[in-house]
Amino acid sequence: MIQAMSEQQVLQEGFQVLLTHLEPSKLARFWAACNVGGGNYIDLKDKLFAEETTSSLYLQVLDFQSSKNVVK
């Protein structure tokens, strides 16, 4: 017997694919553009930054700024 996925399960799987393939900042912009605001921000934040520390995020910001020639 084949069991169909619920809408929530499909959304969860889609979001997982996006989390895997997009930078957190791009994913946040994508969700904002799609008006995907429901849910718990703390859970989202924990998923987006689970492997990050303040230092690693700071280094990513510096790398991004230098790659885009952003004036500090």
PDB file of N, CA and C in Angstrom:
ATOM      1  N   MET A   1       0.834  -1.176   0.000  1.00  0.00           N
ATOM      2  CA  MET A   1       0.000   0.000   0.000  1.00  0.00           C
ATOM      3  C   MET A   1       0.883   1.245   0.000  1.00  0.00           C
ATOM      4  N   ILE A   2       0.591   2.155  -0.895  1.00  0.00           N
ATOM      5  CA  ILE A   2       1.344   3.396  -0.986  1.00  0.00           C
ATOM      6  C   ILE A   2       0.653   4.454  -0.134  1.00  0.00           C
ATOM      7  N   GLN A   3       1.436   5.104   0.691  1.00  0.00           N
ATOM      8  CA  GLN A   3       0.880   6.140   1.557  1.00  0.00           C
ATOM      9  C   GLN A   3       1.346   7.502   1.047  1.00  0.00           C
ATOM     10  N   ALA A   4       0.402   8.384   0.791  1.00  0.00           N
ATOM     11  CA  ALA A   4       0.734   9.727   0.305  1.00  0.00           C
ATOM     12  C   ALA A   4       1.262  10.587   1.443  1.00  0.00           C
ATOM     13  N   MET A   5       2.193  11.469   1.085  1.00  0.00           N
ATOM     14  CA  MET A   5       2.745  12.392   2.074  1.00  0.00           C
ATOM     15  C   MET A   5       1.755  13.520   2.327  1.00  0.00           C
ATOM     16  N   SER A   6       1.724  14.003   3.545  1.00  0.00           N
ATOM     17  CA  SER A   6       0.889  15.153   3.872  1.00  0.00           C
ATOM     18  C   SER A   6       1.542  16.418   3.312  1.00  0.00           C
ATOM     19  N   GLU A   7       0.775  17.483   3.225  1.00  0.00           N
ATOM     20  CA  GLU A   7       1.327  18.759   2.752  1.00  0.00           C
ATOM     21  C   GLU A   7       2.492  19.186   3.636  1.00  0.00           C
ATOM     22  N   GLN A   8       2.349  19.001   4.935  1.00  0.00           N
ATOM     23  CA  GLN A   8       3.415  19.389   5.870  1.00  0.00           C
ATOM     24  C   GLN A   8       4.690  18.595   5.596  1.00  0.00           C
ATOM     25  N   GLN A   9       4.555  17.308   5.307  1.00  0.00           N
ATOM     26  CA  GLN A   9       5.720  16.481   5.018  1.00  0.00           C
ATOM     27  C   GLN A   9       6.404  16.919   3.723  1.00  0.00           C
ATOM     28  N   VAL A  10       5.610  17.274   2.717  1.00  0.00           N
ATOM     29  CA  VAL A  10       6.167  17.746   1.447  1.00  0.00           C
ATOM     30  C   VAL A  10       6.909  19.059   1.664  1.00  0.00           C
ATOM     31  N   LEU A  11       6.311  19.973   2.420  1.00  0.00           N
ATOM     32  CA  LEU A  11       6.972  21.245   2.718  1.00  0.00           C
ATOM     33  C   LEU A  11       8.270  21.014   3.489  1.00  0.00           C
ATOM     34  N   GLN A  12       8.211  20.133   4.467  1.00  0.00           N
ATOM     35  CA  GLN A  12       9.400  19.850   5.280  1.00  0.00           C
ATOM     36  C   GLN A  12      10.528  19.305   4.401  1.00  0.00           C
ATOM     37  N   GLU A  13      10.191  18.404   3.494  1.00  0.00           N
ATOM     38  CA  GLU A  13      11.205  17.841   2.602  1.00  0.00           C
ATOM     39  C   GLU A  13      11.768  18.909   1.668  1.00  0.00           C
ATOM     40  N   GLY A  14      10.903  19.757   1.142  1.00  0.00           N
ATOM     41  CA  GLY A  14      11.359  20.841   0.277  1.00  0.00           C
ATOM     42  C   GLY A  14      12.281  21.797   1.010  1.00  0.00           C
ATOM     43  N   PHE A  15      11.913  22.161   2.233  1.00  0.00           N
ATOM     44  CA  PHE A  15      12.749  23.062   3.023  1.00  0.00           C
ATOM     45  C   PHE A  15      14.092  22.416   3.336  1.00  0.00           C
ATOM     46  N   GLN A  16      14.096  21.110   3.555  1.00  0.00           N
ATOM     47  CA  GLN A  16      15.354  20.417   3.834  1.00  0.00           C
ATOM     48  C   GLN A  16      16.278  20.474   2.623  1.00  0.00           C
ATOM     49  N   VAL A  17      15.720  20.320   1.431  1.00  0.00           N
ATOM     50  CA  VAL A  17      16.515  20.420   0.202  1.00  0.00           C
ATOM     51  C   VAL A  17      17.107  21.822   0.093  1.00  0.00           C
ATOM     52  N   LEU A  18      16.281  22.833   0.359  1.00  0.00           N
ATOM     53  CA  LEU A  18      16.774  24.212   0.301  1.00  0.00           C
ATOM     54  C   LEU A  18      17.861  24.455   1.338  1.00  0.00           C
ATOM     55  N   LEU A  19      17.668  23.950   2.555  1.00  0.00           N
ATOM     56  CA  LEU A  19      18.676  24.103   3.603  1.00  0.00           C
ATOM     57  C   LEU A  19      20.006  23.483   3.194  1.00  0.00           C
ATOM     58  N   THR A  20      19.936  22.391   2.455  1.00  0.00           N
ATOM     59  CA  THR A  20      21.139  21.683   2.037  1.00  0.00           C
ATOM     60  C   THR A  20      21.887  22.419   0.935  1.00  0.00           C
ATOM     61  N   HIS A  21      21.149  23.113   0.060  1.00  0.00           N
ATOM     62  CA  HIS A  21      21.768  23.654  -1.150  1.00  0.00           C
ATOM     63  C   HIS A  21      21.880  25.176  -1.213  1.00  0.00           C
ATOM     64  N   LEU A  22      21.357  25.887  -0.244  1.00  0.00           N
ATOM     65  CA  LEU A  22      21.456  27.347  -0.261  1.00  0.00           C
ATOM     66  C   LEU A  22      22.168  27.849   0.983  1.00  0.00           C
ATOM     67  N   GLU A  23      22.874  28.954   0.823  1.00  0.00           N
ATOM     68  CA  GLU A  23      23.464  29.618   1.984  1.00  0.00           C
ATOM     69  C   GLU A  23      22.318  30.105   2.866  1.00  0.00           C
ATOM     70  N   PRO A  24      22.522  30.159   4.182  1.00  0.00           N
ATOM     71  CA  PRO A  24      21.446  30.606   5.070  1.00  0.00           C
ATOM     72  C   PRO A  24      20.854  31.962   4.699  1.00  0.00           C
ATOM     73  N   SER A  25      21.687  32.907   4.278  1.00  0.00           N
ATOM     74  CA  SER A  25      21.155  34.230   3.932  1.00  0.00           C
ATOM     75  C   SER A  25      20.272  34.170   2.694  1.00  0.00           C
ATOM     76  N   LYS A  26      20.657  33.354   1.704  1.00  0.00           N
ATOM     77  CA  LYS A  26      19.837  33.206   0.498  1.00  0.00           C
ATOM     78  C   LYS A  26      18.535  32.492   0.822  1.00  0.00           C
ATOM     79  N   LEU A  27      18.604  31.506   1.690  1.00  0.00           N
ATOM     80  CA  LEU A  27      17.402  30.784   2.080  1.00  0.00           C
ATOM     81  C   LEU A  27      16.429  31.704   2.804  1.00  0.00           C
ATOM     82  N   ALA A  28      16.937  32.526   3.696  1.00  0.00           N
ATOM     83  CA  ALA A  28      16.078  33.469   4.412  1.00  0.00           C
ATOM     84  C   ALA A  28      15.426  34.447   3.442  1.00  0.00           C
ATOM     85  N   ARG A  29      16.182  34.927   2.470  1.00  0.00           N
ATOM     86  CA  ARG A  29      15.619  35.841   1.472  1.00  0.00           C
ATOM     87  C   ARG A  29      14.567  35.138   0.625  1.00  0.00           C
ATOM     88  N   PHE A  30      14.821  33.881   0.262  1.00  0.00           N
ATOM     89  CA  PHE A  30      13.857  33.108  -0.513  1.00  0.00           C
ATOM     90  C   PHE A  30      12.556  32.951   0.263  1.00  0.00           C
ATOM     91  N   TRP A  31      12.670  32.562   1.539  1.00  0.00           N
ATOM     92  CA  TRP A  31      11.466  32.378   2.351  1.00  0.00           C
ATOM     93  C   TRP A  31      10.712  33.695   2.514  1.00  0.00           C
ATOM     94  N   ALA A  32      11.433  34.780   2.691  1.00  0.00           N
ATOM     95  CA  ALA A  32      10.776  36.085   2.822  1.00  0.00           C
ATOM     96  C   ALA A  32      10.038  36.444   1.534  1.00  0.00           C
ATOM     97  N   ALA A  33      10.658  36.176   0.395  1.00  0.00           N
ATOM     98  CA  ALA A  33      10.030  36.479  -0.893  1.00  0.00           C
ATOM     99  C   ALA A  33       8.781  35.634  -1.112  1.00  0.00           C
ATOM    100  N   CYS A  34       8.764  34.436  -0.559  1.00  0.00           N
ATOM    101  CA  CYS A  34       7.611  33.536  -0.701  1.00  0.00           C
ATOM    102  C   CYS A  34       6.596  33.736   0.426  1.00  0.00           C
ATOM    103  N   ASN A  35       6.856  34.680   1.301  1.00  0.00           N
ATOM    104  CA  ASN A  35       5.994  34.926   2.461  1.00  0.00           C
ATOM    105  C   ASN A  35       5.842  33.684   3.326  1.00  0.00           C
ATOM    106  N   VAL A  36       6.921  32.973   3.481  1.00  0.00           N
ATOM    107  CA  VAL A  36       6.918  31.801   4.342  1.00  0.00           C
ATOM    108  C   VAL A  36       7.335  32.262   5.727  1.00  0.00           C
ATOM    109  N   GLY A  37       6.369  32.696   6.504  1.00  0.00           N
ATOM    110  CA  GLY A  37       6.694  33.241   7.816  1.00  0.00           C
ATOM    111  C   GLY A  37       6.145  32.436   8.954  1.00  0.00           C
ATOM    112  N   GLY A  38       5.336  31.430   8.641  1.00  0.00           N
ATOM    113  CA  GLY A  38       4.764  30.638   9.718  1.00  0.00           C
ATOM    114  C   GLY A  38       5.808  29.738  10.342  1.00  0.00           C
ATOM    115  N   GLY A  39       5.601  29.401  11.552  1.00  0.00           N
ATOM    116  CA  GLY A  39       6.521  28.486  12.216  1.00  0.00           C
ATOM    117  C   GLY A  39       7.287  29.166  13.322  1.00  0.00           C
ATOM    118  N   ASN A  40       8.197  28.435  13.859  1.00  0.00           N
ATOM    119  CA  ASN A  40       8.954  28.876  15.013  1.00  0.00           C
ATOM    120  C   ASN A  40      10.330  29.362  14.565  1.00  0.00           C
ATOM    121  N   TYR A  41      10.593  30.651  14.749  1.00  0.00           N
ATOM    122  CA  TYR A  41      11.876  31.223  14.338  1.00  0.00           C
ATOM    123  C   TYR A  41      13.042  30.536  15.049  1.00  0.00           C
ATOM    124  N   ILE A  42      12.876  30.206  16.303  1.00  0.00           N
ATOM    125  CA  ILE A  42      13.969  29.592  17.063  1.00  0.00           C
ATOM    126  C   ILE A  42      14.355  28.250  16.444  1.00  0.00           C
ATOM    127  N   ASP A  43      13.362  27.447  16.062  1.00  0.00           N
ATOM    128  CA  ASP A  43      13.668  26.174  15.405  1.00  0.00           C
ATOM    129  C   ASP A  43      14.395  26.407  14.088  1.00  0.00           C
ATOM    130  N   LEU A  44      13.937  27.374  13.309  1.00  0.00           N
ATOM    131  CA  LEU A  44      14.582  27.692  12.034  1.00  0.00           C
ATOM    132  C   LEU A  44      16.015  28.145  12.261  1.00  0.00           C
ATOM    133  N   LYS A  45      16.207  29.053  13.204  1.00  0.00           N
ATOM    134  CA  LYS A  45      17.541  29.556  13.519  1.00  0.00           C
ATOM    135  C   LYS A  45      18.460  28.410  13.933  1.00  0.00           C
ATOM    136  N   ASP A  46      17.952  27.509  14.747  1.00  0.00           N
ATOM    137  CA  ASP A  46      18.762  26.377  15.191  1.00  0.00           C
ATOM    138  C   ASP A  46      19.156  25.482  14.020  1.00  0.00           C
ATOM    139  N   LYS A  47      18.261  25.285  13.055  1.00  0.00           N
ATOM    140  CA  LYS A  47      18.585  24.472  11.882  1.00  0.00           C
ATOM    141  C   LYS A  47      19.592  25.184  10.983  1.00  0.00           C
ATOM    142  N   LEU A  48      19.372  26.477  10.751  1.00  0.00           N
ATOM    143  CA  LEU A  48      20.250  27.219   9.852  1.00  0.00           C
ATOM    144  C   LEU A  48      21.670  27.327  10.386  1.00  0.00           C
ATOM    145  N   PHE A  49      21.805  27.486  11.688  1.00  0.00           N
ATOM    146  CA  PHE A  49      23.110  27.769  12.267  1.00  0.00           C
ATOM    147  C   PHE A  49      23.599  26.679  13.217  1.00  0.00           C
ATOM    148  N   ALA A  50      23.102  25.452  13.034  1.00  0.00           N
ATOM    149  CA  ALA A  50      23.442  24.344  13.934  1.00  0.00           C
ATOM    150  C   ALA A  50      24.943  24.082  14.000  1.00  0.00           C
ATOM    151  N   GLU A  51      25.616  24.227  12.887  1.00  0.00           N
ATOM    152  CA  GLU A  51      27.047  23.915  12.828  1.00  0.00           C
ATOM    153  C   GLU A  51      27.923  25.154  12.997  1.00  0.00           C
ATOM    154  N   GLU A  52      27.326  26.282  13.290  1.00  0.00           N
ATOM    155  CA  GLU A  52      28.064  27.544  13.316  1.00  0.00           C
ATOM    156  C   GLU A  52      28.361  28.020  14.735  1.00  0.00           C
ATOM    157  N   THR A  53      29.428  28.791  14.824  1.00  0.00           N
ATOM    158  CA  THR A  53      29.768  29.514  16.053  1.00  0.00           C
ATOM    159  C   THR A  53      29.819  30.992  15.699  1.00  0.00           C
ATOM    160  N   THR A  54      29.909  31.821  16.685  1.00  0.00           N
ATOM    161  CA  THR A  54      30.042  33.251  16.428  1.00  0.00           C
ATOM    162  C   THR A  54      31.278  33.518  15.574  1.00  0.00           C
ATOM    163  N   SER A  55      32.360  32.842  15.888  1.00  0.00           N
ATOM    164  CA  SER A  55      33.607  33.027  15.133  1.00  0.00           C
ATOM    165  C   SER A  55      33.470  32.572  13.689  1.00  0.00           C
ATOM    166  N   SER A  56      32.823  31.424  13.464  1.00  0.00           N
ATOM    167  CA  SER A  56      32.693  30.937  12.089  1.00  0.00           C
ATOM    168  C   SER A  56      31.782  31.847  11.274  1.00  0.00           C
ATOM    169  N   LEU A  57      30.744  32.376  11.894  1.00  0.00           N
ATOM    170  CA  LEU A  57      29.863  33.309  11.191  1.00  0.00           C
ATOM    171  C   LEU A  57      30.605  34.605  10.867  1.00  0.00           C
ATOM    172  N   TYR A  58      31.403  35.082  11.808  1.00  0.00           N
ATOM    173  CA  TYR A  58      32.190  36.295  11.589  1.00  0.00           C
ATOM    174  C   TYR A  58      33.141  36.104  10.407  1.00  0.00           C
ATOM    175  N   LEU A  59      33.802  34.961  10.348  1.00  0.00           N
ATOM    176  CA  LEU A  59      34.715  34.689   9.236  1.00  0.00           C
ATOM    177  C   LEU A  59      33.964  34.613   7.909  1.00  0.00           C
ATOM    178  N   GLN A  60      32.757  34.070   7.915  1.00  0.00           N
ATOM    179  CA  GLN A  60      31.959  34.024   6.695  1.00  0.00           C
ATOM    180  C   GLN A  60      31.568  35.431   6.243  1.00  0.00           C
ATOM    181  N   VAL A  61      31.253  36.299   7.188  1.00  0.00           N
ATOM    182  CA  VAL A  61      30.930  37.688   6.845  1.00  0.00           C
ATOM    183  C   VAL A  61      32.139  38.365   6.224  1.00  0.00           C
ATOM    184  N   LEU A  62      33.310  38.173   6.824  1.00  0.00           N
ATOM    185  CA  LEU A  62      34.531  38.767   6.274  1.00  0.00           C
ATOM    186  C   LEU A  62      34.810  38.242   4.866  1.00  0.00           C
ATOM    187  N   ASP A  63      34.661  36.937   4.668  1.00  0.00           N
ATOM    188  CA  ASP A  63      34.871  36.345   3.341  1.00  0.00           C
ATOM    189  C   ASP A  63      33.891  36.929   2.331  1.00  0.00           C
ATOM    190  N   PHE A  64      32.641  37.047   2.738  1.00  0.00           N
ATOM    191  CA  PHE A  64      31.623  37.589   1.846  1.00  0.00           C
ATOM    192  C   PHE A  64      31.956  39.038   1.483  1.00  0.00           C
ATOM    193  N   GLN A  65      32.313  39.837   2.479  1.00  0.00           N
ATOM    194  CA  GLN A  65      32.628  41.234   2.224  1.00  0.00           C
ATOM    195  C   GLN A  65      33.821  41.365   1.284  1.00  0.00           C
ATOM    196  N   SER A  66      34.828  40.552   1.479  1.00  0.00           N
ATOM    197  CA  SER A  66      36.014  40.659   0.621  1.00  0.00           C
ATOM    198  C   SER A  66      35.697  40.149  -0.797  1.00  0.00           C
ATOM    199  N   SER A  67      34.837  39.149  -0.916  1.00  0.00           N
ATOM    200  CA  SER A  67      34.513  38.629  -2.255  1.00  0.00           C
ATOM    201  C   SER A  67      33.625  39.602  -3.036  1.00  0.00           C
ATOM    202  N   LYS A  68      32.876  40.423  -2.336  1.00  0.00           N
ATOM    203  CA  LYS A  68      31.983  41.373  -2.996  1.00  0.00           C
ATOM    204  C   LYS A  68      32.558  42.796  -2.995  1.00  0.00           C
ATOM    205  N   ASN A  69      33.776  42.927  -2.471  1.00  0.00           N
ATOM    206  CA  ASN A  69      34.406  44.246  -2.357  1.00  0.00           C
ATOM    207  C   ASN A  69      33.512  45.234  -1.628  1.00  0.00           C
ATOM    208  N   VAL A  70      32.886  44.755  -0.552  1.00  0.00           N
ATOM    209  CA  VAL A  70      31.998  45.598   0.245  1.00  0.00           C
ATOM    210  C   VAL A  70      32.859  46.515   1.106  1.00  0.00           C
ATOM    211  N   VAL A  71      32.506  47.784   1.115  1.00  0.00           N
ATOM    212  CA  VAL A  71      33.233  48.749   1.929  1.00  0.00           C
ATOM    213  C   VAL A  71      32.849  48.543   3.374  1.00  0.00           C
ATOM    214  N   LYS A  72      33.843  48.476   4.215  1.00  0.00           N
ATOM    215  CA  LYS A  72      33.590  48.258   5.652  1.00  0.00           C
ATOM    216  C   LYS A  72      33.423  49.567   6.351  1.00  0.00           C
TER     217      LYS A  72
END
